[in-house]
Amino acid sequence: MRAIVWQPDGKLEEVADWPAPAPADDEVLVRVRAAGICSTDLHMVSGRLDFAKPPWVLGHEIAGTVERVGTRVSGWQAGDRVVVDPVVGCGRCRSCQSGRKYLCPAGGELGTTIGSGGYGAYVAAKPGNLYRLPEALTFEEGAMMEPLNCTLGAIDRARNVAGARVAVFGAGPAGQLFAQLARVYGAASVTLFDKREEPLALGLRLGADEAVDIRQGSPSRYGAASVFDVAVEASGSVEAVRSCLELVAPGGTIVLYGLNGAEAPSIPSDRIVAKDLGVVTCISAPLLWDRGIRLAESGRINVGAIVTDRVPFGAGAAFLNELAGGKRSVIKAILTEKEDGER
């Protein structure tokens, strides 16, 4: 199959004859129609995150169509439009049986730690990892269901979002989703922090009450008094973690979402204890996929507006190399299959 392969020299290259996944009798072969480019992928390429070694086919944000079903699979047929949950578990351990397969010691994530990911023409998945993509949503929007699932899982764990003053640090794809989800969960106000004009403007269009350009001054200019009930770190920035701790009110909640790859601790635990803060995280929410898809289908969460760049797979390698090399900046990019089916 054709695939965009992360090579040992650190570059991404399109390969025409990369081995296609061979699904087992109890698996489904999915033809990838859209794959999201996640900052995790770029951080792996740059060496900031050490999840897998090249040569490797990245991509864990996947939507497509069923190409073939195994002999022991029922309920799916060729042509079905699907979203792929990339998290794989054994199904037998305590984590899997408690609904937390992302903690399975024998598991992993397609495109990140195990298996061939969405930068290839096909992926193999268990039927339980597939969700029907409504006709109202495009494949590009379907690929956004994975980041929506993770951010939904995080906000769902935060306490007392209803009526809360919410701060979101980072106006990238995750931050845009968090800002919208905070509104869905009943936040009284949402303030978005970033240092880029375009994402901040997008956040305002999508419902944030205030957008703060941190280039114009430190977030601490809000004053020494803590002003937010919930503070979300969605940028992977150590400085943003500190800002969350500074600006969250006593008894409030901090949502830690972004990864930064730094080995040095970035959380002063004394401040968390002294302010009696709740701290929540989320890397996957296996039980919330249907809820996220319904929120997108209903229009309560606008995932399509977050996608600023739609890149044909054939141009994907060059585009990814530019992103990884810092030569291009986007809010959210999706690799897409052309209408004629060519990649």
Protein backbone atom coordinates (compact mmCIF):
# COMPACT_ATOMS: atom_id res chain seq x y z
CA MET A 1 0.00 0.00 0.00
CA ARG A 2 0.99 3.63 -0.27
CA ALA A 3 2.02 5.19 3.01
CA ILE A 4 3.78 8.24 4.37
CA VAL A 5 6.59 6.70 6.40
CA TRP A 6 8.65 8.32 9.11
CA GLN A 7 12.17 7.29 8.17
CA PRO A 8 15.25 6.75 10.39
CA ASP A 9 16.80 9.96 9.05
CA GLY A 10 13.92 11.91 10.61
CA LYS A 11 12.17 12.73 7.33
CA LEU A 12 8.73 11.63 6.18
CA GLU A 13 8.61 9.97 2.79
CA GLU A 14 5.84 8.55 0.64
CA VAL A 15 6.44 4.85 -0.02
CA ALA A 16 4.45 3.07 -2.72
CA ASP A 17 4.90 -0.51 -1.55
CA TRP A 18 4.72 -0.36 2.25
CA PRO A 19 3.28 -3.61 3.68
CA ALA A 20 -0.46 -3.34 4.21
CA PRO A 21 -1.88 -4.52 7.55
CA ALA A 22 -3.18 -8.08 7.45
CA PRO A 23 -6.41 -8.16 9.46
CA ALA A 24 -7.24 -11.27 11.45
CA ASP A 25 -10.54 -13.11 11.11
CA ASP A 26 -11.98 -11.01 13.93
CA GLU A 27 -10.81 -7.69 12.50
CA VAL A 28 -11.89 -5.15 9.88
CA LEU A 29 -9.73 -3.57 7.19
CA VAL A 30 -10.47 0.15 6.91
CA ARG A 31 -9.54 2.30 3.95
CA VAL A 32 -8.33 5.63 5.31
CA ARG A 33 -10.16 8.62 3.86
CA ALA A 34 -8.89 11.26 6.28
CA ALA A 35 -6.16 11.36 8.93
CA GLY A 36 -5.51 14.20 11.30
CA ILE A 37 -2.01 15.57 11.86
CA CYS A 38 -1.55 15.73 15.62
CA SER A 39 1.19 17.59 17.47
CA THR A 40 2.02 14.23 19.07
CA ASP A 41 3.07 12.96 15.63
CA LEU A 42 5.31 15.98 15.08
CA HIS A 43 6.79 15.68 18.56
CA MET A 44 7.65 12.05 17.84
CA VAL A 45 9.42 13.07 14.65
CA SER A 46 11.34 15.82 16.45
CA GLY A 47 12.36 13.51 19.27
CA ARG A 48 10.40 15.31 21.99
CA LEU A 49 8.23 12.23 22.56
CA ASP A 50 9.66 8.72 22.47
CA PHE A 51 6.70 6.45 21.71
CA ALA A 52 7.95 4.53 18.66
CA LYS A 53 11.01 4.23 16.46
CA PRO A 54 11.22 4.75 12.69
CA PRO A 55 10.54 3.43 10.16
CA TRP A 56 6.97 3.95 11.25
CA VAL A 57 3.55 4.89 9.85
CA LEU A 58 2.13 7.57 12.13
CA GLY A 59 -1.43 8.82 12.46
CA HIS A 60 -4.01 8.05 15.15
CA GLU A 61 -6.86 10.38 14.09
CA ILE A 62 -8.61 8.26 11.48
CA ALA A 63 -11.84 8.13 9.49
CA GLY A 64 -12.59 6.01 6.45
CA THR A 65 -14.68 3.26 4.92
CA VAL A 66 -14.79 -0.44 5.60
CA GLU A 67 -12.86 -2.24 2.88
CA ARG A 68 -13.17 -5.84 4.07
CA VAL A 69 -14.49 -7.67 7.14
CA GLY A 70 -13.07 -10.81 8.72
CA THR A 71 -14.97 -14.07 8.69
CA ARG A 72 -15.73 -13.75 12.41
CA VAL A 73 -17.02 -10.17 12.17
CA SER A 74 -20.70 -9.25 12.11
CA GLY A 75 -22.52 -5.92 11.98
CA TRP A 76 -20.16 -4.29 9.49
CA GLN A 77 -19.94 -4.45 5.72
CA ALA A 78 -17.84 -3.02 2.94
CA GLY A 79 -18.56 0.65 2.31
CA ASP A 80 -19.64 1.55 5.85
CA ARG A 81 -18.38 5.00 6.88
CA VAL A 82 -16.45 4.73 10.14
CA VAL A 83 -14.39 6.55 12.74
CA VAL A 84 -11.56 4.50 14.24
CA ASP A 85 -10.80 4.49 17.95
CA PRO A 86 -7.03 3.91 17.75
CA VAL A 87 -6.60 2.65 21.33
CA VAL A 88 -6.13 -1.11 21.47
CA GLY A 89 -6.50 -3.28 24.57
CA CYS A 90 -6.38 -6.97 25.33
CA GLY A 91 -9.98 -6.99 26.56
CA ARG A 92 -9.15 -9.26 29.49
CA CYS A 93 -7.10 -7.27 32.02
CA ARG A 94 -8.52 -5.19 34.85
CA SER A 95 -7.98 -1.93 32.96
CA CYS A 96 -9.83 -3.12 29.87
CA GLN A 97 -12.71 -4.58 31.86
CA SER A 98 -13.12 -1.36 33.84
CA GLY A 99 -13.47 0.73 30.67
CA ARG A 100 -9.87 2.00 30.70
CA LYS A 101 -8.27 0.06 27.89
CA TYR A 102 -5.81 2.91 27.35
CA LEU A 103 -4.04 1.63 30.48
CA CYS A 104 -3.82 -1.95 29.22
CA PRO A 105 -0.24 -3.18 29.71
CA ALA A 106 -0.51 -5.23 26.52
CA GLY A 107 -2.21 -2.49 24.53
CA GLY A 108 -1.27 0.70 22.75
CA GLU A 109 -2.41 3.14 20.08
CA LEU A 110 -2.44 2.68 16.32
CA GLY A 111 0.11 4.94 14.71
CA THR A 112 1.67 5.92 18.04
CA THR A 113 2.91 2.82 19.85
CA ILE A 114 1.59 -0.20 17.92
CA GLY A 115 0.38 -1.07 14.45
CA SER A 116 0.25 0.89 11.23
CA GLY A 117 -1.46 4.27 11.51
CA GLY A 118 -3.61 6.56 9.42
CA TYR A 119 -0.79 7.92 7.28
CA GLY A 120 -1.13 4.66 5.36
CA ALA A 121 -3.84 3.66 2.91
CA TYR A 122 -5.31 1.07 5.28
CA VAL A 123 -5.56 0.26 8.98
CA ALA A 124 -6.78 -2.91 10.66
CA ALA A 125 -9.07 -2.62 13.68
CA LYS A 126 -11.32 -4.67 15.91
CA PRO A 127 -15.06 -4.12 15.36
CA GLY A 128 -15.27 -2.67 18.87
CA ASN A 129 -12.91 0.10 17.79
CA LEU A 130 -15.23 1.30 15.03
CA TYR A 131 -17.99 3.90 15.27
CA ARG A 132 -20.41 4.81 12.52
CA LEU A 133 -19.71 8.16 10.92
CA PRO A 134 -23.02 9.98 10.34
CA GLU A 135 -23.73 11.15 6.81
CA ALA A 136 -23.97 14.70 8.17
CA LEU A 137 -20.24 14.65 8.96
CA THR A 138 -17.41 14.65 6.43
CA PHE A 139 -14.46 12.28 6.68
CA GLU A 140 -12.32 15.25 7.75
CA GLU A 141 -14.74 15.91 10.59
CA GLY A 142 -14.66 12.21 11.36
CA ALA A 143 -10.90 12.36 11.82
CA MET A 144 -11.51 15.10 14.41
CA MET A 145 -13.50 12.72 16.60
CA GLU A 146 -10.34 11.37 18.24
CA PRO A 147 -9.15 14.74 19.61
CA LEU A 148 -12.77 15.52 20.50
CA ASN A 149 -12.99 12.25 22.42
CA CYS A 150 -9.87 13.03 24.47
CA THR A 151 -10.82 16.61 25.29
CA LEU A 152 -14.38 15.52 26.08
CA GLY A 153 -12.99 12.95 28.50
CA ALA A 154 -10.94 15.61 30.25
CA ILE A 155 -13.72 18.19 30.60
CA ASP A 156 -16.08 15.43 31.73
CA ARG A 157 -13.74 14.75 34.66
CA ALA A 158 -13.47 18.38 35.70
CA ARG A 159 -15.68 19.28 38.63
CA ASN A 160 -18.21 22.09 38.64
CA VAL A 161 -17.82 23.37 35.08
CA ALA A 162 -21.44 24.53 35.09
CA GLY A 163 -21.46 28.20 36.05
CA ALA A 164 -17.66 28.30 36.19
CA ARG A 165 -15.23 30.86 34.90
CA VAL A 166 -13.00 28.81 32.60
CA ALA A 167 -9.55 29.67 31.27
CA VAL A 168 -8.03 27.73 28.37
CA PHE A 169 -4.30 28.12 27.74
CA GLY A 170 -3.48 27.31 24.11
CA ALA A 171 -5.77 28.05 21.17
CA GLY A 172 -4.69 25.12 19.03
CA PRO A 173 -7.10 22.31 18.08
CA ALA A 174 -7.39 21.02 21.66
CA GLY A 175 -7.89 24.50 23.06
CA GLN A 176 -10.62 25.25 20.51
CA LEU A 177 -12.39 22.04 21.49
CA PHE A 178 -12.02 22.73 25.21
CA ALA A 179 -13.47 26.22 24.81
CA GLN A 180 -16.52 24.85 23.00
CA LEU A 181 -16.94 21.94 25.40
CA ALA A 182 -16.81 24.28 28.40
CA ARG A 183 -19.78 26.10 26.89
CA VAL A 184 -21.64 22.83 26.32
CA TYR A 185 -21.01 21.91 29.95
CA GLY A 186 -22.50 25.22 31.12
CA ALA A 187 -19.51 27.49 31.81
CA ALA A 188 -20.43 31.06 32.67
CA SER A 189 -17.46 32.44 30.75
CA VAL A 190 -14.54 31.15 28.69
CA THR A 191 -11.24 33.01 28.30
CA LEU A 192 -8.73 31.80 25.73
CA PHE A 193 -5.00 32.53 26.03
CA ASP A 194 -2.47 32.27 23.20
CA LYS A 195 0.22 34.26 21.40
CA ARG A 196 -1.13 33.86 17.86
CA GLU A 197 -3.74 36.16 16.36
CA GLU A 198 -5.46 33.70 14.01
CA PRO A 199 -6.27 31.01 16.60
CA LEU A 200 -7.47 33.63 19.06
CA ALA A 201 -9.78 35.11 16.44
CA LEU A 202 -11.09 31.64 15.63
CA GLY A 203 -11.76 31.01 19.31
CA LEU A 204 -13.90 34.13 19.50
CA ARG A 205 -15.88 33.06 16.44
CA LEU A 206 -16.47 29.66 18.03
CA GLY A 207 -17.84 31.11 21.25
CA ALA A 208 -15.06 32.16 23.61
CA ASP A 209 -15.97 35.29 25.57
CA GLU A 210 -12.47 36.73 25.63
CA ALA A 211 -9.23 36.07 23.77
CA VAL A 212 -6.01 37.19 25.43
CA ASP A 213 -2.81 37.66 23.45
CA ILE A 214 -0.07 36.83 25.95
CA ARG A 215 2.45 38.73 23.82
CA GLN A 216 0.80 41.87 25.16
CA GLY A 217 1.64 40.95 28.74
CA SER A 218 1.69 38.11 31.21
CA PRO A 219 -1.59 36.40 32.10
CA SER A 220 -0.81 37.50 35.65
CA ARG A 221 -1.94 40.99 34.68
CA TYR A 222 -5.35 39.77 35.73
CA GLY A 223 -4.02 40.55 39.18
CA ALA A 224 -2.75 38.60 42.15
CA ALA A 225 -6.24 37.40 43.00
CA SER A 226 -7.19 34.11 41.40
CA VAL A 227 -10.01 34.59 38.93
CA PHE A 228 -10.82 31.25 37.26
CA ASP A 229 -12.67 28.26 38.67
CA VAL A 230 -11.31 25.89 36.00
CA ALA A 231 -7.98 26.32 34.20
CA VAL A 232 -7.16 24.11 31.20
CA GLU A 233 -3.61 23.62 29.94
CA ALA A 234 -3.95 22.66 26.26
CA SER A 235 -0.64 23.83 24.81
CA GLY A 236 2.04 21.56 26.25
CA SER A 237 3.77 24.61 27.70
CA VAL A 238 5.45 24.53 31.11
CA GLU A 239 4.76 28.26 31.44
CA ALA A 240 1.07 27.64 30.82
CA VAL A 241 1.01 25.08 33.62
CA ARG A 242 2.39 27.74 35.95
CA SER A 243 -0.20 30.24 34.75
CA CYS A 244 -2.96 27.72 35.46
CA LEU A 245 -1.71 27.29 39.03
CA GLU A 246 -1.45 31.03 39.51
CA LEU A 247 -4.84 32.02 38.12
CA VAL A 248 -7.08 29.19 39.28
CA ALA A 249 -9.16 29.99 42.34
CA PRO A 250 -8.71 28.12 45.62
CA GLY A 251 -10.76 24.96 45.47
CA GLY A 252 -10.77 25.09 41.68
CA THR A 253 -9.76 22.53 39.08
CA ILE A 254 -6.80 22.30 36.74
CA VAL A 255 -7.05 20.21 33.57
CA LEU A 256 -3.63 19.06 32.36
CA TYR A 257 -3.83 17.96 28.75
CA GLY A 258 -0.80 19.05 26.73
CA LEU A 259 2.43 17.01 26.63
CA ASN A 260 5.75 18.86 26.58
CA GLY A 261 8.33 16.06 26.73
CA ALA A 262 10.25 17.83 29.49
CA GLU A 263 11.84 15.54 32.04
CA ALA A 264 12.02 18.18 34.77
CA PRO A 265 8.93 18.41 37.01
CA SER A 266 6.80 21.41 36.13
CA ILE A 267 4.21 21.27 38.93
CA PRO A 268 4.86 22.81 42.37
CA SER A 269 2.89 20.37 44.47
CA ASP A 270 2.81 22.64 47.53
CA ARG A 271 0.70 25.16 45.65
CA ILE A 272 -1.76 22.46 44.59
CA VAL A 273 -2.13 21.32 48.20
CA ALA A 274 -2.30 24.83 49.64
CA LYS A 275 -5.03 25.88 47.21
CA ASP A 276 -6.86 22.55 47.58
CA LEU A 277 -6.99 22.10 43.83
CA GLY A 278 -8.41 19.25 41.86
CA VAL A 279 -6.17 18.04 39.01
CA VAL A 280 -7.53 15.95 36.13
CA THR A 281 -6.06 14.58 32.93
CA CYS A 282 -7.22 12.47 30.01
CA ILE A 283 -5.47 10.55 27.24
CA SER A 284 -8.53 8.63 26.06
CA ALA A 285 -12.21 8.24 26.90
CA PRO A 286 -13.38 4.86 25.56
CA LEU A 287 -16.93 5.28 26.87
CA LEU A 288 -17.55 8.72 25.35
CA TRP A 289 -17.09 8.19 21.62
CA ASP A 290 -20.81 8.09 20.87
CA ARG A 291 -21.42 11.23 22.92
CA GLY A 292 -18.70 13.13 21.05
CA ILE A 293 -20.02 12.06 17.65
CA ARG A 294 -23.53 13.20 18.64
CA LEU A 295 -22.20 16.57 19.79
CA ALA A 296 -20.49 17.08 16.44
CA GLU A 297 -23.45 15.80 14.43
CA SER A 298 -25.83 18.14 16.26
CA GLY A 299 -23.57 21.14 15.67
CA ARG A 300 -23.07 21.78 19.40
CA ILE A 301 -19.35 21.32 18.74
CA ASN A 302 -18.01 22.70 15.46
CA VAL A 303 -15.02 20.54 14.55
CA GLY A 304 -14.96 21.47 10.87
CA ALA A 305 -14.16 25.12 11.55
CA ILE A 306 -10.99 24.11 13.39
CA VAL A 307 -9.55 22.44 10.28
CA THR A 308 -7.60 25.12 8.46
CA ASP A 309 -5.61 22.94 6.03
CA ARG A 310 -6.83 19.96 4.00
CA VAL A 311 -3.88 18.28 2.33
CA PRO A 312 -4.11 15.49 -0.30
CA PHE A 313 -2.19 12.40 0.79
CA GLY A 314 0.03 12.75 -2.28
CA ALA A 315 1.31 16.09 -0.98
CA GLY A 316 1.37 14.96 2.63
CA ALA A 317 5.04 14.02 3.02
CA ALA A 318 6.31 17.43 1.92
CA PHE A 319 3.69 19.18 4.06
CA LEU A 320 4.59 17.12 7.14
CA ASN A 321 8.30 17.77 6.70
CA GLU A 322 7.61 21.50 6.58
CA LEU A 323 5.52 21.28 9.74
CA ALA A 324 8.10 19.19 11.57
CA GLY A 325 10.87 21.56 10.48
CA GLY A 326 9.01 24.62 11.70
CA LYS A 327 8.66 26.04 8.18
CA ARG A 328 4.87 26.09 8.28
CA SER A 329 2.30 26.87 10.96
CA VAL A 330 -1.32 25.74 10.98
CA ILE A 331 -4.15 25.45 13.46
CA LYS A 332 -5.24 21.98 12.31
CA ALA A 333 -4.33 20.02 9.20
CA ILE A 334 -5.97 16.88 7.84
CA LEU A 335 -4.57 14.50 5.24
CA THR A 336 -7.37 13.66 2.83
CA GLU A 337 -8.04 11.29 -0.01
CA LYS A 338 -8.93 12.90 -3.33
CA GLU A 339 -12.46 12.51 -4.62
CA ASP A 340 -11.34 10.15 -7.36
CA GLY A 341 -9.86 7.81 -4.75
CA GLU A 342 -6.22 8.51 -5.66
CA ARG A 343 -3.79 9.21 -2.85
